[in-house]
Amino acid sequence: MKKIIVFIRGHNDFDQVLPILDYLIRVKNKDVEIYGVGESYKSCDKHIKYVETILNKKINIFESIFSDDITVKSILIWRRLNNLISCNNGSFSVFVNLIVASFKKIFIIKPSYLIKRFVKIIPKDTVLMADFGTENIFPYNIILQECHKKSVPIYAYLHGYGIFTNLDPIEEVPVKYPAWIIKFIDYQYGRKFHTYDKYLVGTGQKESYFSSNIYSTFKSKDLFRVHDIGLPRFSHEWIDRFFKNNTNTTPVNKHSNKKLNVVLFLSNSKFKVDTFALDNMAKRLSKFSEINFMIKPHTRSKFFGMHDKQYKVNLTNMDSYELIEWSDVCIIYGTSISFQVLASKKILVIPIFIDKNITIFENNNVCEVVDSLDNLLIFLKNPPVNSKKREDDINDFLQEKVYGGCESYTQLMENFYSIINNK
């Protein structure tokens, strides 16, 4: 294999793929070419710095293949027309949606040609990698289609980790249009689902995330493509290597008082979140005089579902690692950052009154479960120290989920490498 080409979109992808890039480039000395897609990844300063200074690689701007202004403007128009098409919210008539779906294809002709040309010149012994969940997203849908035509292997790496054990963690939105109209719009929209050849993901995801309604476009017949490996991003070795060497600032009140430091990590409200209960919890915690309180917005949905301006002074853009290091207790209801909380030996609290889902953390005795806001406040007044039994359970849990049952970080990374390298 001569080359590995990796595409990165944003913070979550970068977080998950960086330890894989590190192992491929620094340890295995592989020829890796990195492309940034869109704008979101450009805000990942620490990750970019690591790639450029430690791995001695540059991140190529994928959109540079669209070299002329006409092509760039065509993509902008195409994306705006995409926003007009909705099969679910009824904001436009069926007729308008059908017309827009047909008309907008004109604007993607040249960009599609340039993407196809990009794939065409790739040697067949190259492997491409992108984060999963992008199968229907431009330009990945076109890249996938062309890779399959050319028999160029293309693999999906982790975008995140689904922590829910129930298979219906998101609310289903009723479809308002007849099935034939949706199929027609899908056809015009170019929504044919092309799977990645392999999915390199965390342990247990085949039976949970890839079988749930979060990934409803993924079919059970394709589950053989999913390889449950592990979560190197949350390993002790990677935390030490990347995060501990990149801390810049310390949150306020780190040493100014003896109060308990509490962080609420927000998740996407689509996960059956009771936004009223969430809003009320944030307000009460912001006024709770016995703690220092911070709120970490979600990387994509920010603080959607939060309404009251009273506690916005508690919002922070601090790095998650630095917040966890500052914290004594982390309140989490729907995000995999919980793994880093456990790896950092901080107390993880799951407020089950916030949503209707069940997570792997409740089922494995690695967190404190609170069933009401009043009980949460009681707990925060005098949080217990983790027992020896819980510490053992946490270590076993991390060994299984993060390291995939491997005896070492090297063995974990070799499992990723062997799949990528052997094609």
Protein backbone atom coordinates (compact mmCIF):
# COMPACT_ATOMS: atom_id res chain seq x y z
CA MET A 1 0.00 0.00 0.00
CA LYS A 2 1.56 3.27 -1.13
CA LYS A 3 -0.70 5.86 0.45
CA ILE A 4 -3.53 6.46 2.91
CA ILE A 5 -5.80 9.45 2.29
CA VAL A 6 -7.77 10.71 5.29
CA PHE A 7 -10.64 13.21 5.21
CA ILE A 8 -11.55 15.30 8.29
CA ARG A 9 -14.64 17.50 8.74
CA GLY A 10 -14.76 18.77 12.29
CA HIS A 11 -13.87 18.45 15.96
CA ASN A 12 -15.40 15.03 16.65
CA ASP A 13 -13.75 13.43 13.63
CA PHE A 14 -10.40 15.02 14.44
CA ASP A 15 -10.58 13.83 18.06
CA GLN A 16 -11.24 10.24 17.02
CA VAL A 17 -8.89 9.93 14.05
CA LEU A 18 -5.86 11.78 15.43
CA PRO A 19 -4.51 8.83 17.50
CA ILE A 20 -4.92 6.64 14.40
CA LEU A 21 -3.05 9.19 12.29
CA ASP A 22 -0.38 9.39 14.98
CA TYR A 23 0.16 5.64 14.92
CA LEU A 24 0.16 5.39 11.13
CA ILE A 25 2.59 8.28 10.63
CA ARG A 26 4.80 8.43 13.72
CA VAL A 27 4.99 4.72 14.58
CA LYS A 28 4.44 2.93 11.27
CA ASN A 29 5.95 5.62 9.04
CA LYS A 30 3.13 5.30 6.49
CA ASP A 31 2.56 7.74 3.66
CA VAL A 32 -0.55 9.59 4.80
CA GLU A 33 -2.21 12.50 3.02
CA ILE A 34 -4.73 14.55 5.03
CA TYR A 35 -7.59 16.62 3.60
CA GLY A 36 -9.80 19.02 5.52
CA VAL A 37 -13.36 19.28 4.22
CA GLY A 38 -15.44 22.38 4.92
CA GLU A 39 -14.68 24.97 7.58
CA SER A 40 -15.33 23.32 10.96
CA TYR A 41 -12.00 21.51 11.29
CA LYS A 42 -10.11 24.81 10.98
CA SER A 43 -11.08 25.74 14.55
CA CYS A 44 -9.30 22.65 15.95
CA ASP A 45 -6.11 24.54 16.75
CA LYS A 46 -4.52 21.92 19.02
CA HIS A 47 -5.17 19.12 16.58
CA ILE A 48 -3.81 21.07 13.63
CA LYS A 49 -0.74 22.04 15.63
CA TYR A 50 -0.11 18.39 16.51
CA VAL A 51 -0.41 17.33 12.87
CA GLU A 52 1.92 20.08 11.68
CA THR A 53 4.56 20.06 14.44
CA ILE A 54 4.61 16.48 15.75
CA LEU A 55 3.56 14.52 12.68
CA ASN A 56 5.17 17.00 10.28
CA LYS A 57 2.18 16.90 7.95
CA LYS A 58 0.08 19.62 6.40
CA ILE A 59 -3.68 19.53 6.07
CA ASN A 60 -4.72 20.05 2.47
CA ILE A 61 -7.90 21.98 1.77
CA PHE A 62 -10.11 19.62 -0.20
CA GLU A 63 -12.07 22.47 -1.77
CA SER A 64 -8.89 23.58 -3.54
CA ILE A 65 -9.80 21.09 -6.28
CA PHE A 66 -12.64 23.48 -7.09
CA SER A 67 -10.21 25.94 -8.57
CA ASP A 68 -12.53 28.41 -10.28
CA ASP A 69 -15.09 30.84 -8.86
CA ILE A 70 -17.94 29.44 -10.94
CA THR A 71 -17.57 26.00 -9.36
CA VAL A 72 -17.40 27.46 -5.85
CA LYS A 73 -20.52 29.56 -6.46
CA SER A 74 -22.30 26.54 -7.91
CA ILE A 75 -21.67 24.64 -4.67
CA LEU A 76 -22.96 27.55 -2.58
CA ILE A 77 -26.17 27.71 -4.63
CA TRP A 78 -26.55 23.94 -4.44
CA ARG A 79 -26.21 24.00 -0.64
CA ARG A 80 -28.78 26.78 -0.32
CA LEU A 81 -31.21 24.84 -2.46
CA ASN A 82 -30.60 21.82 -0.24
CA ASN A 83 -31.88 23.84 2.69
CA LEU A 84 -35.15 24.42 0.85
CA ILE A 85 -35.84 20.72 0.48
CA SER A 86 -37.57 19.08 3.40
CA CYS A 87 -39.65 15.95 3.40
CA ASN A 88 -40.61 16.30 7.05
CA ASN A 89 -41.43 19.81 8.17
CA GLY A 90 -43.96 20.77 5.49
CA SER A 91 -42.56 24.28 5.19
CA PHE A 92 -42.68 24.01 1.37
CA SER A 93 -45.29 22.44 -0.82
CA VAL A 94 -44.74 19.09 -2.47
CA PHE A 95 -44.60 20.84 -5.84
CA VAL A 96 -41.86 23.25 -4.74
CA ASN A 97 -39.80 20.45 -3.25
CA LEU A 98 -40.03 18.41 -6.45
CA ILE A 99 -39.03 21.37 -8.62
CA VAL A 100 -36.13 22.39 -6.38
CA ALA A 101 -34.88 18.78 -6.13
CA SER A 102 -34.74 18.55 -9.92
CA PHE A 103 -33.38 22.04 -10.56
CA LYS A 104 -30.54 21.94 -8.06
CA LYS A 105 -28.79 19.00 -9.74
CA ILE A 106 -27.62 21.44 -12.42
CA PHE A 107 -25.37 23.21 -9.92
CA ILE A 108 -23.52 20.09 -8.81
CA ILE A 109 -22.51 18.84 -12.26
CA LYS A 110 -19.09 20.47 -12.45
CA PRO A 111 -18.14 19.97 -8.77
CA SER A 112 -19.08 16.30 -9.14
CA TYR A 113 -16.89 16.00 -12.21
CA LEU A 114 -13.90 17.48 -10.36
CA ILE A 115 -14.40 15.10 -7.42
CA LYS A 116 -14.61 12.15 -9.81
CA ARG A 117 -11.39 13.31 -11.43
CA PHE A 118 -9.77 13.52 -7.97
CA VAL A 119 -10.66 9.87 -7.31
CA LYS A 120 -9.75 8.79 -10.83
CA ILE A 121 -6.08 9.66 -10.43
CA ILE A 122 -5.76 7.82 -7.09
CA PRO A 123 -3.68 4.62 -7.43
CA LYS A 124 -5.68 1.46 -6.73
CA ASP A 125 -3.39 0.46 -3.87
CA THR A 126 -4.43 3.58 -1.94
CA VAL A 127 -6.85 3.43 1.00
CA LEU A 128 -9.22 6.32 1.71
CA MET A 129 -10.68 7.03 5.16
CA ALA A 130 -13.49 9.29 6.35
CA ASP A 131 -15.75 9.46 9.39
CA PHE A 132 -18.92 7.37 9.33
CA GLY A 133 -22.31 9.01 8.92
CA THR A 134 -21.17 10.86 5.81
CA GLU A 135 -22.53 8.41 3.23
CA ASN A 136 -25.18 10.84 1.97
CA ILE A 137 -23.20 14.04 2.49
CA PHE A 138 -21.46 15.97 -0.29
CA PRO A 139 -18.66 15.40 -1.29
CA TYR A 140 -18.40 12.02 0.47
CA ASN A 141 -21.34 10.51 -1.42
CA ILE A 142 -19.58 11.14 -4.73
CA ILE A 143 -16.20 9.98 -3.40
CA LEU A 144 -17.79 6.75 -2.17
CA GLN A 145 -19.54 6.11 -5.46
CA GLU A 146 -16.36 6.64 -7.47
CA CYS A 147 -14.22 4.54 -5.13
CA HIS A 148 -16.62 1.65 -5.57
CA LYS A 149 -16.53 2.02 -9.35
CA LYS A 150 -12.73 2.06 -9.32
CA SER A 151 -12.36 -0.64 -6.65
CA VAL A 152 -10.42 1.73 -4.40
CA PRO A 153 -10.93 0.69 -0.74
CA ILE A 154 -12.57 3.35 1.40
CA TYR A 155 -13.03 2.86 5.15
CA ALA A 156 -14.95 4.75 7.80
CA TYR A 157 -13.35 5.64 11.10
CA LEU A 158 -15.10 6.65 14.30
CA HIS A 159 -17.14 9.85 14.34
CA GLY A 160 -18.07 9.23 17.93
CA TYR A 161 -19.41 6.49 20.18
CA GLY A 162 -23.06 5.66 20.75
CA ILE A 163 -23.51 5.25 24.49
CA PHE A 164 -27.19 4.27 24.49
CA THR A 165 -28.28 0.67 25.04
CA ASN A 166 -31.83 1.19 23.77
CA LEU A 167 -32.20 1.09 19.98
CA ASP A 168 -34.57 4.07 19.78
CA PRO A 169 -32.58 6.93 21.37
CA ILE A 170 -33.97 9.64 19.09
CA GLU A 171 -37.55 10.75 18.57
CA GLU A 172 -38.94 9.61 15.23
CA VAL A 173 -40.34 12.52 13.20
CA PRO A 174 -43.54 11.60 11.32
CA VAL A 175 -43.14 11.68 7.54
CA LYS A 176 -45.75 13.97 6.01
CA TYR A 177 -45.29 13.08 2.34
CA PRO A 178 -46.17 9.84 0.51
CA ALA A 179 -43.32 7.35 0.12
CA TRP A 180 -43.16 7.75 -3.68
CA ILE A 181 -42.53 11.49 -3.35
CA ILE A 182 -39.76 10.94 -0.82
CA LYS A 183 -38.16 8.33 -3.09
CA PHE A 184 -38.35 10.73 -6.04
CA ILE A 185 -36.77 13.55 -4.06
CA ASP A 186 -34.11 11.16 -2.76
CA TYR A 187 -33.33 10.20 -6.35
CA GLN A 188 -33.11 13.80 -7.49
CA TYR A 189 -31.15 14.69 -4.38
CA GLY A 190 -28.66 11.92 -5.05
CA ARG A 191 -29.36 10.19 -1.75
CA LYS A 192 -28.53 6.65 -2.81
CA PHE A 193 -26.79 5.12 0.19
CA HIS A 194 -23.29 3.85 -0.61
CA THR A 195 -21.70 2.12 2.37
CA TYR A 196 -18.04 2.29 3.28
CA ASP A 197 -16.16 -0.95 2.70
CA LYS A 198 -15.34 -1.24 6.40
CA TYR A 199 -16.30 0.63 9.56
CA LEU A 200 -13.56 0.82 12.21
CA VAL A 201 -15.43 1.69 15.40
CA GLY A 202 -15.68 1.22 19.15
CA THR A 203 -16.60 -2.05 20.83
CA GLY A 204 -20.26 -3.01 20.96
CA GLN A 205 -21.33 -0.54 18.27
CA LYS A 206 -22.49 -3.17 15.80
CA GLU A 207 -25.33 -4.29 18.09
CA SER A 208 -26.13 -0.82 19.42
CA TYR A 209 -25.38 2.28 17.34
CA PHE A 210 -25.41 0.60 13.92
CA SER A 211 -28.64 -1.22 14.76
CA SER A 212 -30.43 1.80 16.22
CA ASN A 213 -32.64 4.50 14.76
CA ILE A 214 -29.75 6.97 14.98
CA TYR A 215 -28.31 5.27 11.91
CA SER A 216 -31.58 4.32 10.23
CA THR A 217 -30.01 4.44 6.75
CA PHE A 218 -27.59 1.66 7.68
CA LYS A 219 -29.02 -1.76 6.82
CA SER A 220 -28.61 -4.94 8.83
CA LYS A 221 -27.27 -6.73 5.73
CA ASP A 222 -24.20 -4.47 5.95
CA LEU A 223 -23.36 -5.19 9.60
CA PHE A 224 -20.57 -7.51 8.45
CA ARG A 225 -18.68 -4.37 7.43
CA VAL A 226 -18.54 -3.12 11.03
CA HIS A 227 -15.38 -3.91 13.00
CA ASP A 228 -15.66 -3.27 16.75
CA ILE A 229 -12.11 -2.36 17.79
CA GLY A 230 -11.86 0.27 20.53
CA LEU A 231 -11.60 3.95 21.43
CA PRO A 232 -7.96 5.10 21.39
CA ARG A 233 -9.04 8.71 21.79
CA PHE A 234 -10.00 7.93 25.42
CA SER A 235 -7.01 5.75 26.30
CA HIS A 236 -4.65 6.78 29.10
CA GLU A 237 -1.75 6.75 26.66
CA TRP A 238 -3.40 9.14 24.22
CA ILE A 239 -4.69 11.43 26.97
CA ASP A 240 -1.14 11.68 28.31
CA ARG A 241 0.40 12.19 24.90
CA PHE A 242 -2.01 14.68 23.35
CA PHE A 243 -4.16 16.34 25.99
CA LYS A 244 -1.77 16.68 28.91
CA ASN A 245 0.87 18.19 26.65
CA ASN A 246 -1.54 20.72 25.18
CA THR A 247 -3.18 22.40 28.18
CA ASN A 248 -3.10 26.17 27.96
CA THR A 249 -5.40 27.65 30.55
CA THR A 250 -7.09 26.89 33.83
CA PRO A 251 -10.78 27.61 34.49
CA VAL A 252 -11.73 30.19 37.07
CA ASN A 253 -11.97 29.19 40.73
CA LYS A 254 -9.46 26.37 40.34
CA HIS A 255 -7.88 27.21 43.67
CA SER A 256 -9.90 30.19 44.86
CA ASN A 257 -12.30 28.33 47.16
CA LYS A 258 -13.07 24.92 48.58
CA LYS A 259 -16.33 24.42 46.74
CA LEU A 260 -17.07 21.41 44.60
CA ASN A 261 -16.25 21.96 40.92
CA VAL A 262 -19.11 20.73 38.73
CA VAL A 263 -19.35 20.62 34.93
CA LEU A 264 -22.50 19.94 32.94
CA PHE A 265 -21.69 18.56 29.48
CA LEU A 266 -24.54 19.23 27.07
CA SER A 267 -25.63 16.75 24.43
CA ASN A 268 -27.86 16.94 21.38
CA SER A 269 -31.46 17.57 22.38
CA LYS A 270 -32.72 15.15 19.69
CA PHE A 271 -31.88 12.30 22.08
CA LYS A 272 -35.28 12.43 23.80
CA VAL A 273 -34.10 15.25 26.04
CA ASP A 274 -36.67 16.94 28.27
CA THR A 275 -35.50 20.49 27.54
CA PHE A 276 -37.66 21.92 30.33
CA ALA A 277 -36.02 19.61 32.89
CA LEU A 278 -32.58 20.39 31.44
CA ASP A 279 -33.21 24.12 31.56
CA ASN A 280 -34.51 23.90 35.12
CA MET A 281 -31.50 21.85 36.23
CA ALA A 282 -29.07 24.36 34.74
CA LYS A 283 -30.83 27.26 36.46
CA ARG A 284 -30.83 25.53 39.85
CA LEU A 285 -27.19 24.53 39.57
CA SER A 286 -26.14 28.02 38.49
CA LYS A 287 -27.69 29.37 41.71
CA PHE A 288 -26.45 26.55 43.94
CA SER A 289 -24.04 28.33 46.28
CA GLU A 290 -22.15 25.21 47.36
CA ILE A 291 -20.56 24.53 43.97
CA ASN A 292 -18.51 26.17 41.22
CA PHE A 293 -20.55 25.45 38.11
CA MET A 294 -19.73 25.44 34.41
CA ILE A 295 -21.66 24.37 31.32
CA LYS A 296 -19.85 22.93 28.30
CA PRO A 297 -21.86 23.37 25.07
CA HIS A 298 -22.10 20.48 22.64
CA THR A 299 -19.60 20.63 19.76
CA ARG A 300 -22.35 20.78 17.11
CA SER A 301 -25.70 21.65 18.69
CA LYS A 302 -24.01 24.10 21.13
CA PHE A 303 -26.53 24.86 23.90
CA PHE A 304 -29.70 24.12 21.96
CA GLY A 305 -32.51 23.34 24.38
CA MET A 306 -31.26 25.86 26.95
CA HIS A 307 -33.45 28.93 27.20
CA ASP A 308 -32.82 30.95 30.33
CA LYS A 309 -30.24 33.73 30.11
CA GLN A 310 -29.56 33.66 33.85
CA TYR A 311 -27.02 30.85 33.63
CA LYS A 312 -25.30 31.81 30.38
CA VAL A 313 -22.48 33.28 32.47
CA ASN A 314 -21.68 29.65 33.30
CA LEU A 315 -21.16 28.68 29.65
CA THR A 316 -17.55 28.02 28.72
CA ASN A 317 -15.55 27.24 25.62
CA MET A 318 -12.76 25.71 27.66
CA ASP A 319 -11.27 22.53 26.26
CA SER A 320 -13.11 19.44 27.55
CA TYR A 321 -9.91 17.92 28.90
CA GLU A 322 -9.11 21.05 30.92
CA LEU A 323 -12.66 21.19 32.26
CA ILE A 324 -12.51 17.56 33.34
CA GLU A 325 -9.17 18.14 35.06
CA TRP A 326 -10.68 21.13 36.87
CA SER A 327 -13.82 19.25 37.84
CA ASP A 328 -14.69 17.07 40.79
CA VAL A 329 -18.01 15.97 39.32
CA CYS A 330 -19.21 15.81 35.70
CA ILE A 331 -22.92 15.64 34.88
CA ILE A 332 -23.52 13.92 31.56
CA TYR A 333 -26.63 12.51 29.90
CA GLY A 334 -25.74 11.71 26.29
CA THR A 335 -22.12 12.10 25.23
CA SER A 336 -19.12 9.80 25.05
CA ILE A 337 -16.89 12.34 26.83
CA SER A 338 -17.98 10.26 29.83
CA PHE A 339 -15.12 7.88 28.98
CA GLN A 340 -12.59 10.64 29.55
CA VAL A 341 -14.26 11.53 32.84
CA LEU A 342 -13.80 7.95 34.02
CA ALA A 343 -10.25 7.74 32.68
CA SER A 344 -9.43 10.92 34.63
CA LYS A 345 -10.86 9.37 37.82
CA LYS A 346 -13.57 11.99 38.25
CA ILE A 347 -17.10 11.29 39.46
CA LEU A 348 -19.57 10.71 36.63
CA VAL A 349 -23.22 11.56 37.35
CA ILE A 350 -26.04 10.48 35.04
CA PRO A 351 -29.29 12.46 35.62
CA ILE A 352 -31.84 9.97 34.31
CA PHE A 353 -34.67 12.49 34.71
CA ILE A 354 -33.30 14.51 31.77
CA ASP A 355 -34.04 12.00 29.00
CA LYS A 356 -35.69 8.66 28.29
CA ASN A 357 -32.59 6.75 27.25
CA ILE A 358 -30.39 4.23 29.02
CA THR A 359 -26.61 4.34 28.71
CA ILE A 360 -23.86 1.76 29.08
CA PHE A 361 -22.62 3.63 32.15
CA GLU A 362 -25.70 2.91 34.26
CA ASN A 363 -25.54 -0.74 33.30
CA ASN A 364 -21.92 -1.19 34.38
CA ASN A 365 -21.79 0.41 37.86
CA VAL A 366 -19.34 3.11 36.78
CA CYS A 367 -21.44 6.19 37.55
CA GLU A 368 -23.77 7.77 40.08
CA VAL A 369 -27.39 7.69 38.95
CA VAL A 370 -29.76 10.42 40.18
CA ASP A 371 -33.47 10.28 39.46
CA SER A 372 -34.50 13.84 40.34
CA LEU A 373 -33.14 17.35 40.60
CA ASP A 374 -33.62 17.37 44.37
CA ASN A 375 -31.58 14.18 44.72
CA LEU A 376 -28.89 15.66 42.49
CA LEU A 377 -28.56 18.67 44.79
CA ILE A 378 -28.45 16.39 47.84
CA PHE A 379 -25.71 14.35 46.19
CA LEU A 380 -23.64 17.44 45.33
CA LYS A 381 -23.73 18.61 48.93
CA ASN A 382 -21.72 15.59 49.99
CA PRO A 383 -20.56 13.39 47.09
CA PRO A 384 -19.06 10.06 48.17
CA VAL A 385 -15.62 8.90 47.11
CA ASN A 386 -15.63 6.03 44.62
CA SER A 387 -15.41 2.70 46.42
CA LYS A 388 -12.71 0.15 45.64
CA LYS A 389 -15.38 -2.00 44.00
CA ARG A 390 -16.42 0.86 41.71
CA GLU A 391 -12.81 1.68 40.84
CA ASP A 392 -12.30 -1.94 39.83
CA ASP A 393 -15.51 -1.86 37.79
CA ILE A 394 -14.37 1.33 36.05
CA ASN A 395 -10.98 -0.17 35.19
CA ASP A 396 -12.63 -3.30 33.78
CA PHE A 397 -15.12 -1.16 31.87
CA LEU A 398 -12.40 0.99 30.27
CA GLN A 399 -10.36 -2.10 29.44
CA GLU A 400 -13.32 -3.55 27.56
CA LYS A 401 -14.71 -0.43 25.88
CA VAL A 402 -11.66 1.78 25.31
CA TYR A 403 -8.98 -0.86 24.77
CA GLY A 404 -11.30 -3.40 23.16
CA GLY A 405 -10.09 -6.05 25.59
CA CYS A 406 -6.49 -5.59 24.44
CA GLU A 407 -3.66 -5.90 26.95
CA SER A 408 -1.94 -2.74 25.73
CA TYR A 409 -2.41 0.45 23.74
CA THR A 410 0.02 -0.89 21.13
CA GLN A 411 -2.08 -4.00 20.62
CA LEU A 412 -5.20 -1.83 20.24
CA MET A 413 -3.53 0.33 17.59
CA GLU A 414 -2.15 -2.72 15.82
CA ASN A 415 -5.74 -3.92 15.44
CA PHE A 416 -6.60 -0.70 13.61
CA TYR A 417 -3.41 -0.85 11.57
CA SER A 418 -3.83 -4.45 10.46
CA ILE A 419 -7.27 -3.76 9.00
CA ILE A 420 -6.17 -0.55 7.26
CA ASN A 421 -2.92 -2.02 5.96
CA ASN A 422 -4.30 -5.35 4.75
CA LYS A 423 -7.22 -3.78 2.91
